[in-house]
Amino acid sequence: MKKALRIGLAALAVATVGTASAIFNTAYTSEDYAAMPFVQTAVLKQGATGGEVKEVQRRLKQWGYYNGAVDGIYGKGTVEAVKKFQKKNGLTADGIAGIETYRALGMNDSVKVLEGNNGNSGSNSNYTNSDLYMLAKCIYAEARGESYTGQVAVGAVILNRVASSSFPNTISGVIYQKGAFTAVSDGQINLEPDRTAMNAASDAMNGWDPTYGCLYYYNPAVATSSWIFGRQTVTTIGKHVFAI
C-alpha cells in the first residue's frame, strides 16, 4: 500500500510540470519538449533569478563592475554592471546577459548551452547552466542509446541523489562520487552531449521523474555488483532497471 501511494503521489507531481499528455505521450520529439511552455530562456535580463544570475554577479563583483549583493536577483544594479562590462568589452551595452556576454565573462558552459539549445534552457533556476551541461554530459555518456524517457530517467536519478542526504548535494559531486558511474571511470563523461541529452537534462531539472524517486539504476545484462540486485525495483525503462 505504501509503495502504491508513493508512486501515485510521484506521478501526480510529474503531471504538474506540463500537461499529462506532454509528459507521457511518446510521440513527442526532443524538439517538441524544447518548445514546451515550461522551458525558460537561458538569456538573463532584468527580473531573472537563480544560480546563473549569482555567477554573473560574482564575476562582475570580482572584477569591480558590481558593488551589490550576490543574491541571484537580476535587478537594476546588475543591469548597470552588465552594461559597464559590455561597454568595456566592445559589446552592445543593453544590460542583457546573452551568449557574447557569457563568452566575455568566461562562462563557457553557458555559451555551450545557448549554442546547443538555440537559446533555450529548461533548467530550474536553482541550477546553473554549468549544472545543466554537466547533467547532459552524464546522460549522454550513460544513456545515449536509450529512449528519450530513459535518458530523462537517468538525469532524474542524479537529481534525486542531489536531494538525498545520503549523497553529495551537487550535480558534479554526485556524478564524480567514486565508483558511482561507469561513464566517469571509462572516460565517456568527457564526450560532448547532443541536443537530445541537453533537452533530457532540462526536463529532469524541471521535475519530470519517470523513475518516481529512484536513487539507483543498472543494466542487469552487464551489472556485476550483487548488492544492486538487492535494491527494490520500481520500474524498468529500456535496458535500465530503476530502484530505491
C-alpha atoms as a PDB file:
ATOM      1  CA  MET A   1       0.000   0.000   0.000  1.00  0.00           C
ATOM      2  CA  LYS A   2       2.805   2.465   0.915  1.00  0.00           C
ATOM      3  CA  LYS A   3       4.636   1.758  -2.338  1.00  0.00           C
ATOM      4  CA  ALA A   4       1.469   2.296  -4.388  1.00  0.00           C
ATOM      5  CA  LEU A   5       0.765   5.561  -2.581  1.00  0.00           C
ATOM      6  CA  ARG A   6       4.314   6.803  -3.106  1.00  0.00           C
ATOM      7  CA  ILE A   7       4.212   6.015  -6.822  1.00  0.00           C
ATOM      8  CA  GLY A   8       0.791   7.605  -7.155  1.00  0.00           C
ATOM      9  CA  LEU A   9       1.947  10.825  -5.493  1.00  0.00           C
ATOM     10  CA  ALA A  10       5.075  10.899  -7.622  1.00  0.00           C
ATOM     11  CA  ALA A  11       3.036  10.504 -10.782  1.00  0.00           C
ATOM     12  CA  LEU A  12       0.784  13.355  -9.667  1.00  0.00           C
ATOM     13  CA  ALA A  13       3.816  15.568  -9.080  1.00  0.00           C
ATOM     14  CA  VAL A  14       5.117  14.787 -12.559  1.00  0.00           C
ATOM     15  CA  ALA A  15       1.837  15.850 -14.111  1.00  0.00           C
ATOM     16  CA  THR A  16       2.229  19.353 -12.690  1.00  0.00           C
ATOM     17  CA  VAL A  17       5.320  20.022 -14.798  1.00  0.00           C
ATOM     18  CA  GLY A  18       3.355  20.101 -18.051  1.00  0.00           C
ATOM     19  CA  THR A  19       0.218  18.540 -19.390  1.00  0.00           C
ATOM     20  CA  ALA A  20      -0.101  14.838 -18.719  1.00  0.00           C
ATOM     21  CA  SER A  21      -0.211  14.108 -22.425  1.00  0.00           C
ATOM     22  CA  ALA A  22       3.005  16.046 -22.991  1.00  0.00           C
ATOM     23  CA  ILE A  23       4.770  14.081 -20.304  1.00  0.00           C
ATOM     24  CA  PHE A  24       3.670  10.595 -21.226  1.00  0.00           C
ATOM     25  CA  ASN A  25       2.985  10.726 -24.973  1.00  0.00           C
ATOM     26  CA  THR A  26       5.988   9.022 -26.522  1.00  0.00           C
ATOM     27  CA  ALA A  27       5.207  10.557 -29.916  1.00  0.00           C
ATOM     28  CA  TYR A  28       6.859  13.808 -28.812  1.00  0.00           C
ATOM     29  CA  THR A  29      10.367  14.504 -30.082  1.00  0.00           C
ATOM     30  CA  SER A  30      13.153  16.269 -28.195  1.00  0.00           C
ATOM     31  CA  GLU A  31      12.427  19.382 -30.285  1.00  0.00           C
ATOM     32  CA  ASP A  32       8.803  19.295 -29.083  1.00  0.00           C
ATOM     33  CA  TYR A  33       9.970  19.252 -25.490  1.00  0.00           C
ATOM     34  CA  ALA A  34      12.323  22.175 -26.145  1.00  0.00           C
ATOM     35  CA  ALA A  35       9.364  24.248 -27.356  1.00  0.00           C
ATOM     36  CA  MET A  36       7.045  23.454 -24.435  1.00  0.00           C
ATOM     37  CA  PRO A  37       5.830  26.427 -22.354  1.00  0.00           C
ATOM     38  CA  PHE A  38       7.698  25.447 -19.178  1.00  0.00           C
ATOM     39  CA  VAL A  39      11.041  25.903 -20.939  1.00  0.00           C
ATOM     40  CA  GLN A  40      12.777  29.054 -19.712  1.00  0.00           C
ATOM     41  CA  THR A  41      15.287  31.214 -21.542  1.00  0.00           C
ATOM     42  CA  ALA A  42      18.939  30.980 -20.618  1.00  0.00           C
ATOM     43  CA  VAL A  43      19.455  34.629 -21.629  1.00  0.00           C
ATOM     44  CA  LEU A  44      19.359  36.779 -18.488  1.00  0.00           C
ATOM     45  CA  LYS A  45      17.643  40.136 -18.224  1.00  0.00           C
ATOM     46  CA  GLN A  46      16.120  42.308 -15.500  1.00  0.00           C
ATOM     47  CA  GLY A  47      13.793  40.258 -13.313  1.00  0.00           C
ATOM     48  CA  ALA A  48      15.644  36.951 -13.772  1.00  0.00           C
ATOM     49  CA  THR A  49      16.624  34.985 -10.672  1.00  0.00           C
ATOM     50  CA  GLY A  50      18.666  31.935  -9.780  1.00  0.00           C
ATOM     51  CA  GLY A  51      22.117  30.424  -9.662  1.00  0.00           C
ATOM     52  CA  GLU A  52      23.124  31.643 -13.098  1.00  0.00           C
ATOM     53  CA  VAL A  53      22.455  35.237 -12.037  1.00  0.00           C
ATOM     54  CA  LYS A  54      24.610  34.687  -8.944  1.00  0.00           C
ATOM     55  CA  GLU A  55      27.503  33.517 -11.095  1.00  0.00           C
ATOM     56  CA  VAL A  56      27.242  36.602 -13.324  1.00  0.00           C
ATOM     57  CA  GLN A  57      27.137  38.845 -10.243  1.00  0.00           C
ATOM     58  CA  ARG A  58      30.058  37.037  -8.629  1.00  0.00           C
ATOM     59  CA  ARG A  59      32.290  37.522 -11.659  1.00  0.00           C
ATOM     60  CA  LEU A  60      31.278  41.145 -12.167  1.00  0.00           C
ATOM     61  CA  LYS A  61      31.919  41.907  -8.495  1.00  0.00           C
ATOM     62  CA  GLN A  62      35.300  40.186  -8.583  1.00  0.00           C
ATOM     63  CA  TRP A  63      36.322  42.422 -11.495  1.00  0.00           C
ATOM     64  CA  GLY A  64      34.986  45.646  -9.981  1.00  0.00           C
ATOM     65  CA  TYR A  65      31.905  46.215 -12.126  1.00  0.00           C
ATOM     66  CA  TYR A  66      29.309  45.353  -9.480  1.00  0.00           C
ATOM     67  CA  ASN A  67      29.041  46.525  -5.875  1.00  0.00           C
ATOM     68  CA  GLY A  68      25.742  44.964  -4.836  1.00  0.00           C
ATOM     69  CA  ALA A  69      24.872  41.717  -3.099  1.00  0.00           C
ATOM     70  CA  VAL A  70      25.418  38.406  -4.873  1.00  0.00           C
ATOM     71  CA  ASP A  71      21.798  37.468  -4.280  1.00  0.00           C
ATOM     72  CA  GLY A  72      20.740  35.868  -7.557  1.00  0.00           C
ATOM     73  CA  ILE A  73      18.326  38.699  -8.388  1.00  0.00           C
ATOM     74  CA  TYR A  74      18.887  40.441 -11.717  1.00  0.00           C
ATOM     75  CA  GLY A  75      17.910  43.939 -10.595  1.00  0.00           C
ATOM     76  CA  LYS A  76      18.831  47.424 -11.782  1.00  0.00           C
ATOM     77  CA  GLY A  77      22.265  47.262 -10.161  1.00  0.00           C
ATOM     78  CA  THR A  78      23.088  44.074 -12.036  1.00  0.00           C
ATOM     79  CA  VAL A  79      21.784  45.546 -15.294  1.00  0.00           C
ATOM     80  CA  GLU A  80      24.031  48.595 -14.914  1.00  0.00           C
ATOM     81  CA  ALA A  81      27.028  46.435 -14.029  1.00  0.00           C
ATOM     82  CA  VAL A  82      26.453  44.272 -17.094  1.00  0.00           C
ATOM     83  CA  LYS A  83      26.199  47.394 -19.265  1.00  0.00           C
ATOM     84  CA  LYS A  84      29.548  48.674 -17.940  1.00  0.00           C
ATOM     85  CA  PHE A  85      31.146  45.300 -18.577  1.00  0.00           C
ATOM     86  CA  GLN A  86      29.675  45.089 -22.070  1.00  0.00           C
ATOM     87  CA  LYS A  87      30.835  48.583 -22.981  1.00  0.00           C
ATOM     88  CA  LYS A  88      34.342  47.846 -21.708  1.00  0.00           C
ATOM     89  CA  ASN A  89      34.493  44.689 -23.835  1.00  0.00           C
ATOM     90  CA  GLY A  90      33.133  46.189 -27.053  1.00  0.00           C
ATOM     91  CA  LEU A  91      29.712  44.546 -26.780  1.00  0.00           C
ATOM     92  CA  THR A  92      26.248  46.020 -27.234  1.00  0.00           C
ATOM     93  CA  ALA A  93      25.579  47.677 -23.869  1.00  0.00           C
ATOM     94  CA  ASP A  94      21.983  46.528 -23.373  1.00  0.00           C
ATOM     95  CA  GLY A  95      22.344  45.041 -19.876  1.00  0.00           C
ATOM     96  CA  ILE A  96      21.222  41.608 -21.100  1.00  0.00           C
ATOM     97  CA  ALA A  97      23.494  38.622 -20.497  1.00  0.00           C
ATOM     98  CA  GLY A  98      23.413  36.629 -23.709  1.00  0.00           C
ATOM     99  CA  ILE A  99      25.895  34.406 -25.474  1.00  0.00           C
ATOM    100  CA  GLU A 100      28.510  37.103 -26.227  1.00  0.00           C
ATOM    101  CA  THR A 101      28.391  38.424 -22.675  1.00  0.00           C
ATOM    102  CA  TYR A 102      28.719  34.887 -21.296  1.00  0.00           C
ATOM    103  CA  ARG A 103      31.712  34.338 -23.562  1.00  0.00           C
ATOM    104  CA  ALA A 104      33.374  37.551 -22.390  1.00  0.00           C
ATOM    105  CA  LEU A 105      32.704  36.581 -18.773  1.00  0.00           C
ATOM    106  CA  GLY A 106      34.386  33.233 -19.344  1.00  0.00           C
ATOM    107  CA  MET A 107      31.178  31.301 -18.604  1.00  0.00           C
ATOM    108  CA  ASN A 108      31.915  28.681 -21.240  1.00  0.00           C
ATOM    109  CA  ASP A 109      29.311  26.134 -20.166  1.00  0.00           C
ATOM    110  CA  SER A 110      26.635  28.807 -20.504  1.00  0.00           C
ATOM    111  CA  VAL A 111      27.877  29.502 -24.021  1.00  0.00           C
ATOM    112  CA  LYS A 112      27.648  25.804 -24.889  1.00  0.00           C
ATOM    113  CA  VAL A 113      24.085  25.622 -23.558  1.00  0.00           C
ATOM    114  CA  LEU A 114      22.996  28.551 -25.701  1.00  0.00           C
ATOM    115  CA  GLU A 115      24.807  27.264 -28.770  1.00  0.00           C
ATOM    116  CA  GLY A 116      23.470  23.737 -28.433  1.00  0.00           C
ATOM    117  CA  ASN A 117      19.951  24.563 -27.326  1.00  0.00           C
ATOM    118  CA  ASN A 118      19.123  27.531 -29.545  1.00  0.00           C
ATOM    119  CA  GLY A 119      18.944  29.876 -26.580  1.00  0.00           C
ATOM    120  CA  ASN A 120      16.511  27.778 -24.588  1.00  0.00           C
ATOM    121  CA  SER A 121      17.182  26.077 -21.311  1.00  0.00           C
ATOM    122  CA  GLY A 122      14.608  24.184 -19.297  1.00  0.00           C
ATOM    123  CA  SER A 123      16.777  24.241 -16.231  1.00  0.00           C
ATOM    124  CA  ASN A 124      15.252  25.076 -12.885  1.00  0.00           C
ATOM    125  CA  SER A 125      16.555  28.400 -11.542  1.00  0.00           C
ATOM    126  CA  ASN A 126      18.165  26.559  -8.617  1.00  0.00           C
ATOM    127  CA  TYR A 127      20.725  25.247 -11.074  1.00  0.00           C
ATOM    128  CA  THR A 128      23.214  26.961 -13.341  1.00  0.00           C
ATOM    129  CA  ASN A 129      23.958  26.311 -16.988  1.00  0.00           C
ATOM    130  CA  SER A 130      27.121  24.567 -15.814  1.00  0.00           C
ATOM    131  CA  ASP A 131      24.919  22.173 -13.842  1.00  0.00           C
ATOM    132  CA  LEU A 132      22.718  21.623 -16.880  1.00  0.00           C
ATOM    133  CA  TYR A 133      25.709  20.941 -19.107  1.00  0.00           C
ATOM    134  CA  MET A 134      27.261  18.534 -16.603  1.00  0.00           C
ATOM    135  CA  LEU A 135      23.968  16.660 -16.209  1.00  0.00           C
ATOM    136  CA  ALA A 136      23.604  16.424 -20.005  1.00  0.00           C
ATOM    137  CA  LYS A 137      27.140  15.055 -20.291  1.00  0.00           C
ATOM    138  CA  CYS A 138      26.374  12.270 -17.838  1.00  0.00           C
ATOM    139  CA  ILE A 139      23.054  11.482 -19.522  1.00  0.00           C
ATOM    140  CA  TYR A 140      24.764  11.263 -22.904  1.00  0.00           C
ATOM    141  CA  ALA A 141      27.620   9.145 -21.577  1.00  0.00           C
ATOM    142  CA  GLU A 142      25.395   6.768 -19.625  1.00  0.00           C
ATOM    143  CA  ALA A 143      22.219   6.536 -21.699  1.00  0.00           C
ATOM    144  CA  ARG A 144      22.598   7.860 -25.247  1.00  0.00           C
ATOM    145  CA  GLY A 145      21.333   4.554 -26.660  1.00  0.00           C
ATOM    146  CA  GLU A 146      18.149   4.693 -24.571  1.00  0.00           C
ATOM    147  CA  SER A 147      14.784   6.238 -25.415  1.00  0.00           C
ATOM    148  CA  TYR A 148      14.180   9.896 -24.598  1.00  0.00           C
ATOM    149  CA  THR A 149      12.250   8.875 -21.469  1.00  0.00           C
ATOM    150  CA  GLY A 150      15.125   6.617 -20.489  1.00  0.00           C
ATOM    151  CA  GLN A 151      17.572   9.498 -20.793  1.00  0.00           C
ATOM    152  CA  VAL A 152      15.391  11.779 -18.659  1.00  0.00           C
ATOM    153  CA  ALA A 153      15.175   8.955 -16.122  1.00  0.00           C
ATOM    154  CA  VAL A 154      18.969   8.811 -15.743  1.00  0.00           C
ATOM    155  CA  GLY A 155      19.011  12.576 -15.202  1.00  0.00           C
ATOM    156  CA  ALA A 156      16.249  12.249 -12.622  1.00  0.00           C
ATOM    157  CA  VAL A 157      18.229   9.663 -10.638  1.00  0.00           C
ATOM    158  CA  ILE A 158      21.185  12.047 -10.472  1.00  0.00           C
ATOM    159  CA  LEU A 159      18.951  14.879  -9.246  1.00  0.00           C
ATOM    160  CA  ASN A 160      17.268  12.573  -6.728  1.00  0.00           C
ATOM    161  CA  ARG A 161      20.710  11.822  -5.322  1.00  0.00           C
ATOM    162  CA  VAL A 162      21.476  15.533  -5.060  1.00  0.00           C
ATOM    163  CA  ALA A 163      18.296  15.930  -2.997  1.00  0.00           C
ATOM    164  CA  SER A 164      19.111  12.921  -0.783  1.00  0.00           C
ATOM    165  CA  SER A 165      21.156  13.290   2.402  1.00  0.00           C
ATOM    166  CA  SER A 166      22.900  10.028   1.519  1.00  0.00           C
ATOM    167  CA  PHE A 167      24.740  11.545  -1.453  1.00  0.00           C
ATOM    168  CA  PRO A 168      26.707  14.708  -2.302  1.00  0.00           C
ATOM    169  CA  ASN A 169      24.482  17.788  -2.623  1.00  0.00           C
ATOM    170  CA  THR A 170      25.708  18.995  -6.011  1.00  0.00           C
ATOM    171  CA  ILE A 171      25.351  17.536  -9.504  1.00  0.00           C
ATOM    172  CA  SER A 172      29.097  17.383 -10.078  1.00  0.00           C
ATOM    173  CA  GLY A 173      29.583  15.840  -6.634  1.00  0.00           C
ATOM    174  CA  VAL A 174      27.090  13.087  -7.372  1.00  0.00           C
ATOM    175  CA  ILE A 175      28.483  12.371 -10.834  1.00  0.00           C
ATOM    176  CA  TYR A 176      32.107  12.260  -9.711  1.00  0.00           C
ATOM    177  CA  GLN A 177      31.484  10.348  -6.492  1.00  0.00           C
ATOM    178  CA  LYS A 178      33.976   7.472  -6.528  1.00  0.00           C
ATOM    179  CA  GLY A 179      32.587   4.398  -8.263  1.00  0.00           C
ATOM    180  CA  ALA A 180      29.174   5.914  -8.894  1.00  0.00           C
ATOM    181  CA  PHE A 181      29.086   5.937 -12.703  1.00  0.00           C
ATOM    182  CA  THR A 182      30.834   3.748 -15.244  1.00  0.00           C
ATOM    183  CA  ALA A 183      30.974   6.654 -17.694  1.00  0.00           C
ATOM    184  CA  VAL A 184      33.303   8.517 -15.335  1.00  0.00           C
ATOM    185  CA  SER A 185      35.681   5.608 -14.810  1.00  0.00           C
ATOM    186  CA  ASP A 186      35.915   4.768 -18.537  1.00  0.00           C
ATOM    187  CA  GLY A 187      36.182   8.401 -19.706  1.00  0.00           C
ATOM    188  CA  GLN A 188      32.915   8.634 -21.625  1.00  0.00           C
ATOM    189  CA  ILE A 189      31.892  11.511 -19.365  1.00  0.00           C
ATOM    190  CA  ASN A 190      34.186  13.676 -21.498  1.00  0.00           C
ATOM    191  CA  LEU A 191      32.075  13.187 -24.635  1.00  0.00           C
ATOM    192  CA  GLU A 192      30.155  16.211 -25.919  1.00  0.00           C
ATOM    193  CA  PRO A 193      26.409  15.846 -25.226  1.00  0.00           C
ATOM    194  CA  ASP A 194      23.952  16.148 -28.108  1.00  0.00           C
ATOM    195  CA  ARG A 195      20.768  18.188 -28.178  1.00  0.00           C
ATOM    196  CA  THR A 196      18.650  15.246 -27.020  1.00  0.00           C
ATOM    197  CA  ALA A 197      20.760  14.871 -23.898  1.00  0.00           C
ATOM    198  CA  MET A 198      20.555  18.629 -23.264  1.00  0.00           C
ATOM    199  CA  ASN A 199      16.765  18.537 -23.548  1.00  0.00           C
ATOM    200  CA  ALA A 200      16.577  15.466 -21.316  1.00  0.00           C
ATOM    201  CA  ALA A 201      18.637  17.282 -18.681  1.00  0.00           C
ATOM    202  CA  SER A 202      16.293  20.275 -18.923  1.00  0.00           C
ATOM    203  CA  ASP A 203      13.207  18.109 -18.480  1.00  0.00           C
ATOM    204  CA  ALA A 204      14.719  16.335 -15.485  1.00  0.00           C
ATOM    205  CA  MET A 205      15.568  19.676 -13.881  1.00  0.00           C
ATOM    206  CA  ASN A 206      12.010  20.855 -14.476  1.00  0.00           C
ATOM    207  CA  GLY A 207      10.688  17.948 -12.412  1.00  0.00           C
ATOM    208  CA  TRP A 208       9.933  15.133 -14.823  1.00  0.00           C
ATOM    209  CA  ASP A 209      10.921  11.956 -12.995  1.00  0.00           C
ATOM    210  CA  PRO A 210       9.939   8.779 -14.878  1.00  0.00           C
ATOM    211  CA  THR A 211      11.583   6.773 -12.053  1.00  0.00           C
ATOM    212  CA  TYR A 212       9.253   8.016  -9.293  1.00  0.00           C
ATOM    213  CA  GLY A 213      12.080   8.989  -6.965  1.00  0.00           C
ATOM    214  CA  CYS A 214      14.659   6.280  -7.635  1.00  0.00           C
ATOM    215  CA  LEU A 215      18.257   6.627  -6.458  1.00  0.00           C
ATOM    216  CA  TYR A 216      19.770   3.778  -8.470  1.00  0.00           C
ATOM    217  CA  TYR A 217      19.685   2.271 -11.942  1.00  0.00           C
ATOM    218  CA  TYR A 218      21.527  -0.572 -13.587  1.00  0.00           C
ATOM    219  CA  ASN A 219      21.612  -2.751 -16.673  1.00  0.00           C
ATOM    220  CA  PRO A 220      21.011  -6.322 -15.432  1.00  0.00           C
ATOM    221  CA  ALA A 221      22.760  -7.726 -18.501  1.00  0.00           C
ATOM    222  CA  VAL A 222      26.108  -6.214 -17.542  1.00  0.00           C
ATOM    223  CA  ALA A 223      25.862  -5.347 -13.825  1.00  0.00           C
ATOM    224  CA  THR A 224      28.403  -7.206 -11.699  1.00  0.00           C
ATOM    225  CA  SER A 225      27.542  -5.993  -8.201  1.00  0.00           C
ATOM    226  CA  SER A 226      25.333  -8.407  -6.282  1.00  0.00           C
ATOM    227  CA  TRP A 227      24.416  -5.537  -3.947  1.00  0.00           C
ATOM    228  CA  ILE A 228      22.493  -3.640  -6.631  1.00  0.00           C
ATOM    229  CA  PHE A 229      20.272  -6.644  -7.362  1.00  0.00           C
ATOM    230  CA  GLY A 230      19.014  -6.422  -3.794  1.00  0.00           C
ATOM    231  CA  ARG A 231      17.576  -2.931  -4.233  1.00  0.00           C
ATOM    232  CA  GLN A 232      13.790  -2.616  -4.539  1.00  0.00           C
ATOM    233  CA  THR A 233      12.813  -2.297  -8.197  1.00  0.00           C
ATOM    234  CA  VAL A 234      10.344   0.473  -9.042  1.00  0.00           C
ATOM    235  CA  THR A 235      10.299   0.458 -12.842  1.00  0.00           C
ATOM    236  CA  THR A 236      12.195  -0.683 -15.929  1.00  0.00           C
ATOM    237  CA  ILE A 237      12.811   1.688 -18.855  1.00  0.00           C
ATOM    238  CA  GLY A 238      14.628   0.259 -21.830  1.00  0.00           C
ATOM    239  CA  LYS A 239      17.687  -1.674 -20.683  1.00  0.00           C
ATOM    240  CA  HIS A 240      17.815   0.012 -17.273  1.00  0.00           C
ATOM    241  CA  VAL A 241      16.192  -1.142 -14.053  1.00  0.00           C
ATOM    242  CA  PHE A 242      15.440   1.742 -11.657  1.00  0.00           C
ATOM    243  CA  ALA A 243      15.435   1.066  -7.948  1.00  0.00           C
ATOM    244  CA  ILE A 244      15.364   2.603  -4.476  1.00  0.00           C
END
